[in-house]
Amino acid sequence: MPDNTPDNSVPRESTALLSSERLILRETKRAVTPFGGAAVFFCYLRKIDLVGQLRQYMPIRWKSHNHIDPTTSFLAFLTSVLVGARRFAHTTLLRSDLALHTLLGTARFPSDDTIRNLFREFTMGHVQRLYEPLTEWQMQRLPLRPDGYTLDLDSTVFERYGNQQGSLKGHNPRKHGRPSHHPLLAVLSEAHFLLHGWLRSGNCGAARGAEEFLQEALALWGQRQKIRLLRADSGFFEDRLLSFLEQRRLPYIVVARLTKWVKRAAQRVEEWRELDENFALGEFRLQLLGWSAERRFVVIRERLREKRDSPGRRLIEFPGYTFRVLVTSTAERPEEVWRDYNRRSDMENRIAELKHDLGADGFCLKQFFATEAAFRAVLLLFNLLSEFQRAAGLPTYRAPATIRTQVLTCGAILGRAGRRLVVHLSQSWGGLKARIPLLDSIAACEFPTSPKLTPALGT
């Protein structure tokens, strides 16, 4: 659309809020977008050929001659979530953003009903056929780590309103008795990468299906790199899961539930190693009823202090202290076990970012696998944003909302230079100058080759 298109609008007068300056309000026919900075992210998606991968693995095909390509609808959903949509209805806001359509390269932006209909077509098989190869494709670009990766396991709650499949009453810390879904997540901590995710019904316990979930996650991971450690909270303190990890020779640190027998064993600890005036560490070995083997427990004793909350529990026999107990298969010193587990706290940030920054809990349909397909699409976008930050050379990890504010949000006007379309980025928002280093880093980025794909040397 030419820059010199005449504006044919009826002006209105207004007054600035903090001053008495008079303003004139007019319309313009020029295509304007607040998300001109998304061009940088789209450059990265083009470099890794996301569109080609989606077209290769997309299991949904339409027969109508007037259909919108399922890949286009899927990318429209990702773009809507990227710029802040938290419901399917919010995707409608982008249908009038012609400048953003140009950045995407589509002449028809799907409606919210079109996007819903796409996800409604997904079955369990469709979810696996699309997302498993895409996850493996993303793993190929993970940085190589000689020491391996740490796998964090956790679950969360998505509250639901209405009658959706799998939306059942279960553990809900915020709204007791409210139906919900109970997703399960596995995160590679050092890479901020969501290795796997399941959407489960709301009446599931935290560890329900955890062994099968980990079997799928580890099968996807294959022999690419070493998993040095698995960490989980007390919801996963079950003999079946611990035995599974021991059979796979996967080291773990899991928070122990303070059952009667664990409390008694913690009370009998006689040797305490004082770290400072507030913390002391001890350990013991115990085989609980029904367990297949004896296991090592590490106890953290913390002195109660004013104006400081402690994550541990109080024992009546030890007033003035709180206790926290970890079960582990590692041979590290107790203080190393404690420090290693404390790094798991970053997992809560990943869950908060999925919910608050990308609205993972807001895209819900009646069919269970339609909801899971949308949920897995948000996980895919989260990983793409993590990859983008590494490729763009950002020095530290930034939350999706921060990327949206600092990179994606930039006023832009669509224009022409001869026969070529031009997107003019607003200089007052940082413009192109602030984003050229990101574009240069993406252009120069070379991705590591997965060890799984490295051919064996002949002998």
Protein backbone atom coordinates (compact mmCIF):
# COMPACT_ATOMS: atom_id res chain seq x y z
CA MET A 1 0.00 0.00 0.00
CA PRO A 2 1.60 3.35 -1.03
CA ASP A 3 2.80 5.73 1.66
CA ASN A 4 1.07 8.67 -0.03
CA THR A 5 -2.44 7.21 0.15
CA PRO A 6 -4.73 10.14 0.95
CA ASP A 7 -6.59 10.06 4.26
CA ASN A 8 -10.32 10.55 3.85
CA SER A 9 -11.67 10.87 7.36
CA VAL A 10 -13.80 13.14 9.47
CA PRO A 11 -11.54 14.80 12.06
CA ARG A 12 -12.51 15.06 15.71
CA GLU A 13 -10.97 17.23 18.37
CA SER A 14 -9.69 16.03 21.72
CA THR A 15 -7.58 17.29 24.62
CA ALA A 16 -4.49 15.69 26.09
CA LEU A 17 -5.05 14.09 29.50
CA LEU A 18 -2.20 15.75 31.41
CA SER A 19 -2.24 19.09 29.60
CA SER A 20 -4.67 21.40 27.88
CA GLU A 21 -3.13 20.85 24.45
CA ARG A 22 -5.77 20.37 21.79
CA LEU A 23 -5.48 17.38 19.49
CA ILE A 24 -7.08 16.42 16.17
CA LEU A 25 -8.07 12.78 15.69
CA ARG A 26 -8.02 11.37 12.14
CA GLU A 27 -8.17 7.99 10.45
CA THR A 28 -5.59 6.60 8.05
CA LYS A 29 -5.83 3.96 5.37
CA ARG A 30 -2.24 2.93 5.90
CA ALA A 31 -1.61 -0.52 7.34
CA VAL A 32 -0.19 -0.09 10.84
CA THR A 33 0.88 -2.73 13.36
CA PRO A 34 2.15 -2.53 16.96
CA PHE A 35 4.19 -5.72 16.38
CA GLY A 36 6.67 -4.72 13.69
CA GLY A 37 9.48 -6.26 15.75
CA ALA A 38 7.98 -9.70 15.10
CA ALA A 39 9.84 -9.54 11.78
CA VAL A 40 13.01 -10.52 13.69
CA PHE A 41 11.36 -13.64 15.12
CA PHE A 42 9.89 -14.55 11.73
CA CYS A 43 13.39 -14.32 10.21
CA TYR A 44 14.51 -16.95 12.68
CA LEU A 45 11.52 -19.19 11.89
CA ARG A 46 12.36 -18.93 8.21
CA LYS A 47 16.01 -19.83 8.86
CA ILE A 48 15.05 -23.05 10.64
CA ASP A 49 12.31 -23.77 8.04
CA LEU A 50 9.42 -24.07 10.51
CA VAL A 51 6.87 -23.79 7.69
CA GLY A 52 8.46 -26.68 5.80
CA GLN A 53 8.44 -28.86 8.92
CA LEU A 54 4.79 -28.07 9.64
CA ARG A 55 3.75 -28.86 6.08
CA GLN A 56 5.66 -32.13 6.23
CA TYR A 57 4.13 -33.37 9.48
CA MET A 58 0.72 -31.65 9.59
CA PRO A 59 -1.79 -34.55 9.81
CA ILE A 60 -4.89 -32.46 9.00
CA ARG A 61 -5.95 -32.01 5.38
CA TRP A 62 -8.99 -30.08 4.13
CA LYS A 63 -10.97 -31.04 1.03
CA SER A 64 -12.72 -27.72 0.42
CA HIS A 65 -11.42 -25.70 -2.55
CA ASN A 66 -11.85 -22.51 -0.49
CA HIS A 67 -9.98 -23.76 2.56
CA ILE A 68 -7.17 -22.00 4.39
CA ASP A 69 -4.08 -24.18 4.55
CA PRO A 70 -3.91 -25.92 7.99
CA THR A 71 -0.28 -24.82 8.30
CA THR A 72 -1.37 -21.18 7.85
CA SER A 73 -4.06 -21.58 10.52
CA PHE A 74 -1.54 -23.22 12.88
CA LEU A 75 0.98 -20.40 12.34
CA ALA A 76 -1.78 -17.83 12.84
CA PHE A 77 -2.49 -19.42 16.23
CA LEU A 78 1.21 -19.35 17.19
CA THR A 79 1.46 -15.71 16.11
CA SER A 80 -1.62 -14.78 18.13
CA VAL A 81 -0.18 -16.39 21.27
CA LEU A 82 3.18 -14.77 20.53
CA VAL A 83 1.70 -11.25 20.61
CA GLY A 84 -0.44 -11.85 23.69
CA ALA A 85 -3.65 -13.77 22.90
CA ARG A 86 -4.96 -15.74 25.87
CA ARG A 87 -8.17 -17.12 24.35
CA PHE A 88 -9.15 -18.36 20.91
CA ALA A 89 -11.44 -15.33 20.58
CA HIS A 90 -8.42 -13.02 20.94
CA THR A 91 -7.01 -14.25 17.62
CA THR A 92 -9.72 -12.19 15.86
CA LEU A 93 -7.83 -9.00 16.74
CA LEU A 94 -5.10 -9.86 14.24
CA ARG A 95 -7.46 -10.29 11.29
CA SER A 96 -7.34 -6.52 10.67
CA ASP A 97 -3.56 -6.22 11.10
CA LEU A 98 -2.62 -6.09 7.41
CA ALA A 99 0.99 -5.16 8.14
CA LEU A 100 1.42 -8.27 10.30
CA HIS A 101 -0.23 -10.36 7.54
CA THR A 102 2.48 -9.09 5.19
CA LEU A 103 5.21 -10.15 7.65
CA LEU A 104 3.60 -13.59 7.80
CA GLY A 105 3.17 -13.71 4.02
CA THR A 106 -0.52 -14.57 4.01
CA ALA A 107 -3.39 -12.84 2.22
CA ARG A 108 -6.05 -14.56 4.36
CA PHE A 109 -5.76 -14.61 8.12
CA PRO A 110 -8.06 -17.29 9.63
CA SER A 111 -10.87 -16.45 12.00
CA ASP A 112 -10.99 -17.80 15.54
CA ASP A 113 -13.58 -20.39 14.41
CA THR A 114 -11.24 -21.61 11.67
CA ILE A 115 -8.45 -22.08 14.22
CA ARG A 116 -10.83 -23.88 16.62
CA ASN A 117 -11.98 -26.18 13.80
CA LEU A 118 -8.38 -27.08 13.03
CA PHE A 119 -7.71 -28.23 16.59
CA ARG A 120 -11.08 -30.01 16.80
CA GLU A 121 -9.87 -32.36 14.06
CA PHE A 122 -6.97 -33.62 16.20
CA THR A 123 -7.11 -37.11 17.64
CA MET A 124 -4.53 -38.75 19.90
CA GLY A 125 -2.75 -40.14 16.83
CA HIS A 126 -2.73 -36.72 15.16
CA VAL A 127 -1.15 -35.14 18.25
CA GLN A 128 1.64 -37.71 18.26
CA ARG A 129 2.25 -37.56 14.50
CA LEU A 130 2.65 -33.77 14.57
CA TYR A 131 4.42 -32.95 17.82
CA GLU A 132 6.83 -35.87 18.30
CA PRO A 133 8.81 -35.25 15.08
CA LEU A 134 8.71 -31.49 15.73
CA THR A 135 10.18 -32.05 19.21
CA GLU A 136 12.96 -34.22 17.78
CA TRP A 137 13.60 -31.56 15.14
CA GLN A 138 13.99 -28.93 17.87
CA MET A 139 16.31 -31.14 19.93
CA GLN A 140 18.83 -31.16 17.08
CA ARG A 141 19.59 -27.49 17.78
CA LEU A 142 20.16 -27.80 21.53
CA PRO A 143 23.64 -26.70 22.69
CA LEU A 144 26.10 -29.50 23.37
CA ARG A 145 26.87 -29.86 27.10
CA PRO A 146 29.74 -32.19 28.13
CA ASP A 147 28.25 -32.53 31.63
CA GLY A 148 24.77 -33.30 30.29
CA TYR A 149 21.37 -31.84 31.08
CA THR A 150 19.22 -31.82 34.21
CA LEU A 151 15.62 -33.00 33.73
CA ASP A 152 13.01 -31.38 35.99
CA LEU A 153 9.62 -33.04 36.43
CA ASP A 154 6.54 -31.17 37.65
CA SER A 155 2.77 -30.82 37.26
CA THR A 156 0.38 -27.89 37.42
CA VAL A 157 -3.35 -27.16 37.41
CA PHE A 158 -5.44 -25.55 34.65
CA GLU A 159 -8.81 -24.45 36.03
CA ARG A 160 -11.77 -25.03 33.70
CA TYR A 161 -15.25 -23.57 33.43
CA GLY A 162 -17.89 -25.58 31.58
CA ASN A 163 -18.13 -29.22 30.56
CA GLN A 164 -14.92 -30.21 28.79
CA GLN A 165 -13.63 -33.75 28.39
CA GLY A 166 -11.18 -34.58 31.16
CA SER A 167 -12.16 -31.53 33.20
CA LEU A 168 -12.72 -33.21 36.57
CA LYS A 169 -12.51 -32.32 40.23
CA GLY A 170 -9.15 -33.01 41.82
CA HIS A 171 -6.30 -31.25 43.58
CA ASN A 172 -6.77 -27.51 43.02
CA PRO A 173 -4.83 -25.30 45.45
CA ARG A 174 -6.44 -22.03 44.27
CA LYS A 175 -10.09 -22.97 43.74
CA HIS A 176 -11.07 -26.02 45.73
CA GLY A 177 -13.68 -28.16 44.01
CA ARG A 178 -13.27 -26.44 40.63
CA PRO A 179 -12.92 -28.88 37.69
CA SER A 180 -9.51 -28.75 36.06
CA HIS A 181 -6.92 -30.39 33.86
CA HIS A 182 -3.64 -31.51 35.43
CA PRO A 183 -0.74 -31.23 32.93
CA LEU A 184 2.58 -33.01 33.43
CA LEU A 185 5.81 -31.37 32.19
CA ALA A 186 9.46 -32.33 31.75
CA VAL A 187 11.98 -29.49 31.31
CA LEU A 188 15.67 -29.51 30.40
CA SER A 189 16.74 -26.96 32.98
CA GLU A 190 19.93 -25.58 31.46
CA ALA A 191 18.35 -25.01 28.01
CA HIS A 192 14.93 -23.77 29.21
CA PHE A 193 13.54 -26.44 26.88
CA LEU A 194 10.22 -28.26 27.38
CA LEU A 195 11.17 -31.82 26.51
CA HIS A 196 7.68 -33.27 26.83
CA GLY A 197 4.20 -32.45 28.06
CA TRP A 198 0.99 -34.34 28.74
CA LEU A 199 -2.47 -32.95 29.35
CA ARG A 200 -4.20 -35.13 31.97
CA SER A 201 -7.65 -35.17 33.54
CA GLY A 202 -8.10 -33.14 36.72
CA ASN A 203 -8.53 -36.11 39.07
CA CYS A 204 -4.97 -37.37 38.45
CA GLY A 205 -2.37 -37.31 41.19
CA ALA A 206 0.95 -35.63 40.45
CA ALA A 207 2.74 -38.93 39.77
CA ARG A 208 -0.09 -40.60 37.84
CA GLY A 209 1.39 -42.04 34.65
CA ALA A 210 4.83 -40.54 35.41
CA GLU A 211 6.71 -43.72 34.38
CA GLU A 212 4.96 -43.92 31.00
CA PHE A 213 5.46 -40.18 30.55
CA LEU A 214 9.19 -40.49 31.20
CA GLN A 215 9.42 -43.48 28.87
CA GLU A 216 8.03 -41.30 26.07
CA ALA A 217 10.26 -38.35 26.99
CA LEU A 218 13.43 -40.47 27.15
CA ALA A 219 12.51 -42.22 23.89
CA LEU A 220 12.25 -38.80 22.23
CA TRP A 221 15.59 -37.80 23.75
CA GLY A 222 17.30 -41.01 22.67
CA GLN A 223 21.09 -40.99 22.99
CA ARG A 224 21.60 -37.36 22.02
CA GLN A 225 23.26 -36.21 25.21
CA LYS A 226 23.59 -37.30 28.81
CA ILE A 227 20.80 -36.74 31.34
CA ARG A 228 22.90 -36.13 34.45
CA LEU A 229 20.05 -35.87 36.97
CA LEU A 230 16.27 -35.88 37.43
CA ARG A 231 14.66 -33.62 40.04
CA ALA A 232 11.06 -33.67 41.30
CA ASP A 233 8.99 -32.52 44.25
CA SER A 234 7.19 -34.63 46.86
CA GLY A 235 4.26 -35.36 44.53
CA PHE A 236 6.57 -37.87 42.78
CA PHE A 237 7.76 -39.61 45.96
CA GLU A 238 6.64 -43.11 44.95
CA ASP A 239 8.51 -46.41 44.93
CA ARG A 240 7.32 -47.27 41.41
CA LEU A 241 8.81 -44.11 39.92
CA LEU A 242 12.05 -44.34 41.91
CA SER A 243 12.48 -47.97 40.89
CA PHE A 244 11.92 -47.02 37.25
CA LEU A 245 14.67 -44.39 37.49
CA GLU A 246 17.04 -46.87 39.14
CA GLN A 247 16.40 -49.45 36.42
CA ARG A 248 17.24 -46.80 33.81
CA ARG A 249 20.32 -45.80 35.87
CA LEU A 250 19.09 -42.23 35.90
CA PRO A 251 20.28 -40.36 39.03
CA TYR A 252 17.53 -38.51 40.91
CA ILE A 253 16.80 -36.15 43.76
CA VAL A 254 13.17 -36.15 44.92
CA VAL A 255 11.59 -34.41 47.91
CA ALA A 256 10.38 -37.01 50.41
CA ARG A 257 6.93 -36.86 51.94
CA LEU A 258 7.20 -36.49 55.70
CA THR A 259 5.29 -39.63 56.54
CA LYS A 260 5.34 -41.09 60.05
CA TRP A 261 8.27 -43.41 59.30
CA VAL A 262 10.32 -40.75 57.51
CA LYS A 263 9.79 -38.38 60.46
CA ARG A 264 10.92 -41.01 62.93
CA ALA A 265 14.07 -41.72 60.92
CA ALA A 266 14.82 -37.98 60.67
CA GLN A 267 14.43 -37.61 64.44
CA ARG A 268 16.97 -40.38 65.05
CA VAL A 269 19.74 -38.65 63.08
CA GLU A 270 22.60 -38.08 65.52
CA GLU A 271 25.36 -36.69 63.33
CA TRP A 272 24.64 -33.20 61.99
CA ARG A 273 27.03 -31.19 59.87
CA GLU A 274 26.67 -27.51 60.68
CA LEU A 275 26.91 -25.31 57.58
CA ASP A 276 26.34 -22.09 59.51
CA GLU A 277 24.35 -20.91 62.52
CA ASN A 278 21.04 -21.61 60.74
CA PHE A 279 21.53 -24.73 58.60
CA ALA A 280 22.69 -28.26 59.37
CA LEU A 281 22.69 -31.43 57.27
CA GLY A 282 22.35 -35.10 58.12
CA GLU A 283 21.47 -38.32 56.35
CA PHE A 284 20.06 -41.81 56.91
CA ARG A 285 19.03 -44.90 54.96
CA LEU A 286 15.54 -46.35 55.07
CA GLN A 287 13.36 -48.91 53.30
CA LEU A 288 9.70 -47.96 53.64
CA LEU A 289 6.86 -50.48 53.72
CA GLY A 290 6.20 -51.78 50.21
CA TRP A 291 9.48 -50.48 48.84
CA SER A 292 11.71 -52.77 46.81
CA ALA A 293 14.99 -51.45 48.24
CA GLU A 294 16.62 -49.30 50.90
CA ARG A 295 17.35 -45.73 49.80
CA ARG A 296 19.45 -42.79 50.92
CA PHE A 297 17.80 -39.74 52.52
CA VAL A 298 19.36 -36.31 53.10
CA VAL A 299 17.91 -34.12 55.87
CA ILE A 300 18.12 -30.31 55.92
CA ARG A 301 17.54 -28.76 59.36
CA GLU A 302 16.86 -25.03 59.41
CA ARG A 303 16.59 -22.79 62.47
CA LEU A 304 13.36 -20.80 62.64
CA ARG A 305 13.91 -17.06 62.24
CA GLU A 306 11.66 -14.05 62.33
CA LYS A 307 10.59 -12.53 58.99
CA ARG A 308 11.80 -15.53 57.03
CA ASP A 309 9.65 -18.34 55.67
CA SER A 310 11.05 -21.85 55.51
CA PRO A 311 9.98 -24.52 53.00
CA GLY A 312 10.44 -27.28 55.57
CA ARG A 313 8.03 -28.83 58.09
CA ARG A 314 8.15 -28.61 61.89
CA LEU A 315 8.61 -31.70 64.04
CA ILE A 316 7.15 -31.59 67.54
CA GLU A 317 10.26 -33.27 69.01
CA PHE A 318 12.51 -30.49 67.66
CA PRO A 319 10.98 -27.10 68.49
CA GLY A 320 12.65 -24.11 66.87
CA TYR A 321 13.62 -25.96 63.67
CA THR A 322 12.07 -26.98 60.34
CA PHE A 323 13.09 -30.07 58.43
CA ARG A 324 13.20 -30.96 54.76
CA VAL A 325 14.06 -34.45 53.52
CA LEU A 326 15.34 -35.47 50.08
CA VAL A 327 15.66 -39.01 48.73
CA THR A 328 18.49 -39.48 46.24
CA SER A 329 20.39 -42.14 44.33
CA THR A 330 23.51 -39.98 44.01
CA ALA A 331 26.65 -40.39 46.09
CA GLU A 332 27.31 -36.66 46.37
CA ARG A 333 27.87 -34.99 49.74
CA PRO A 334 24.66 -33.82 51.46
CA GLU A 335 25.37 -30.14 50.84
CA GLU A 336 25.89 -30.81 47.11
CA VAL A 337 22.61 -32.74 46.94
CA TRP A 338 20.81 -29.85 48.62
CA ARG A 339 22.37 -27.19 46.38
CA ASP A 340 21.63 -29.23 43.26
CA TYR A 341 17.98 -29.62 44.19
CA ASN A 342 17.60 -25.92 45.03
CA ARG A 343 18.32 -25.08 41.40
CA ARG A 344 15.05 -26.80 40.52
CA SER A 345 13.17 -23.71 41.76
CA ASP A 346 13.55 -22.29 38.25
CA MET A 347 11.00 -24.90 37.10
CA GLU A 348 8.26 -22.86 38.76
CA ASN A 349 9.24 -19.93 36.53
CA ARG A 350 8.73 -22.06 33.40
CA ILE A 351 5.22 -22.99 34.53
CA ALA A 352 4.41 -19.36 35.40
CA GLU A 353 5.64 -18.24 31.96
CA LEU A 354 3.48 -20.82 30.22
CA LYS A 355 0.41 -19.66 32.13
CA HIS A 356 0.89 -15.92 32.46
CA ASP A 357 3.02 -15.03 29.41
CA LEU A 358 1.65 -17.47 26.82
CA GLY A 359 -1.81 -18.23 28.22
CA ALA A 360 -1.35 -22.02 28.07
CA ASP A 361 -4.31 -22.53 30.42
CA GLY A 362 -6.69 -20.36 28.37
CA PHE A 363 -7.07 -22.37 25.14
CA CYS A 364 -9.70 -24.97 25.92
CA LEU A 365 -12.15 -26.87 23.70
CA LYS A 366 -14.76 -29.48 24.51
CA GLN A 367 -12.78 -32.34 22.98
CA PHE A 368 -9.86 -33.49 25.13
CA PHE A 369 -7.36 -34.03 22.32
CA ALA A 370 -8.29 -30.72 20.70
CA THR A 371 -7.33 -29.03 23.97
CA GLU A 372 -4.14 -31.09 24.18
CA ALA A 373 -3.21 -30.13 20.61
CA ALA A 374 -3.53 -26.42 21.48
CA PHE A 375 -1.57 -26.98 24.71
CA ARG A 376 1.25 -28.71 22.84
CA ALA A 377 1.27 -25.86 20.29
CA VAL A 378 1.98 -23.42 23.13
CA LEU A 379 4.83 -25.67 24.34
CA LEU A 380 6.22 -25.64 20.80
CA LEU A 381 6.12 -21.83 20.76
CA PHE A 382 7.85 -21.65 24.15
CA ASN A 383 10.74 -23.76 22.83
CA LEU A 384 10.94 -21.67 19.66
CA LEU A 385 11.29 -18.53 21.78
CA SER A 386 14.07 -20.17 23.83
CA GLU A 387 15.87 -21.17 20.63
CA PHE A 388 15.39 -17.69 19.21
CA GLN A 389 17.14 -16.11 22.18
CA ARG A 390 20.20 -18.34 21.78
CA ALA A 391 20.34 -17.73 18.02
CA ALA A 392 19.89 -13.94 18.44
CA GLY A 393 22.81 -13.79 20.86
CA LEU A 394 20.89 -12.51 23.89
CA PRO A 395 23.27 -12.71 26.87
CA THR A 396 20.76 -14.13 29.37
CA TYR A 397 17.44 -15.93 29.21
CA ARG A 398 14.37 -13.66 29.11
CA ALA A 399 10.76 -14.56 29.78
CA PRO A 400 8.35 -14.59 26.79
CA ALA A 401 6.61 -11.44 28.08
CA THR A 402 9.97 -9.65 28.19
CA ILE A 403 10.74 -10.72 24.61
CA ARG A 404 7.31 -9.44 23.59
CA THR A 405 7.99 -6.07 25.19
CA GLN A 406 11.64 -5.57 24.19
CA VAL A 407 11.75 -7.16 20.73
CA LEU A 408 8.33 -7.85 19.23
CA THR A 409 6.54 -4.64 20.19
CA CYS A 410 7.47 -1.90 17.75
CA GLY A 411 5.10 0.37 15.84
CA ALA A 412 5.40 -0.15 12.08
CA ILE A 413 3.76 1.13 8.90
CA LEU A 414 3.42 -0.86 5.69
CA GLY A 415 4.46 0.99 2.53
CA ARG A 416 6.01 0.49 -0.90
CA ALA A 417 9.26 1.34 -2.64
CA GLY A 418 8.53 0.79 -6.30
CA ARG A 419 7.15 -2.74 -6.56
CA ARG A 420 8.58 -3.91 -3.26
CA LEU A 421 6.75 -3.86 0.05
CA VAL A 422 8.48 -1.97 2.85
CA VAL A 423 7.82 -2.20 6.58
CA HIS A 424 8.86 1.03 8.32
CA LEU A 425 9.76 0.37 11.98
CA SER A 426 9.22 3.28 14.35
CA GLN A 427 12.51 4.81 15.47
CA SER A 428 11.02 5.91 18.80
CA TRP A 429 10.48 2.19 19.65
CA GLY A 430 14.09 1.32 18.84
CA GLY A 431 13.30 0.76 15.18
CA LEU A 432 15.50 -1.27 12.89
CA LYS A 433 18.75 -0.03 14.44
CA ALA A 434 18.07 -1.75 17.76
CA ARG A 435 17.20 -5.00 15.98
CA ILE A 436 20.01 -5.21 13.42
CA PRO A 437 22.37 -6.98 15.91
CA LEU A 438 19.69 -9.63 16.46
CA LEU A 439 19.20 -10.11 12.72
CA ASP A 440 22.96 -10.35 12.17
CA SER A 441 23.32 -12.96 14.93
CA ILE A 442 20.48 -15.03 13.46
CA ALA A 443 22.01 -14.85 9.97
CA ALA A 444 25.40 -15.98 11.30
CA CYS A 445 24.02 -18.65 13.64
CA GLU A 446 25.19 -22.22 13.03
CA PHE A 447 23.38 -25.01 14.80
CA PRO A 448 25.17 -27.97 16.44
CA THR A 449 24.65 -31.41 14.95
CA SER A 450 22.87 -33.86 17.23
CA PRO A 451 25.17 -36.70 18.35
CA LYS A 452 22.39 -39.11 17.35
CA LEU A 453 22.74 -37.96 13.74
CA THR A 454 26.53 -38.12 13.62
CA PRO A 455 27.56 -41.10 11.45
CA ALA A 456 29.85 -43.65 13.02
CA LEU A 457 33.46 -43.66 11.83
CA GLY A 458 34.54 -46.65 9.81
CA THR A 459 37.18 -48.96 11.22
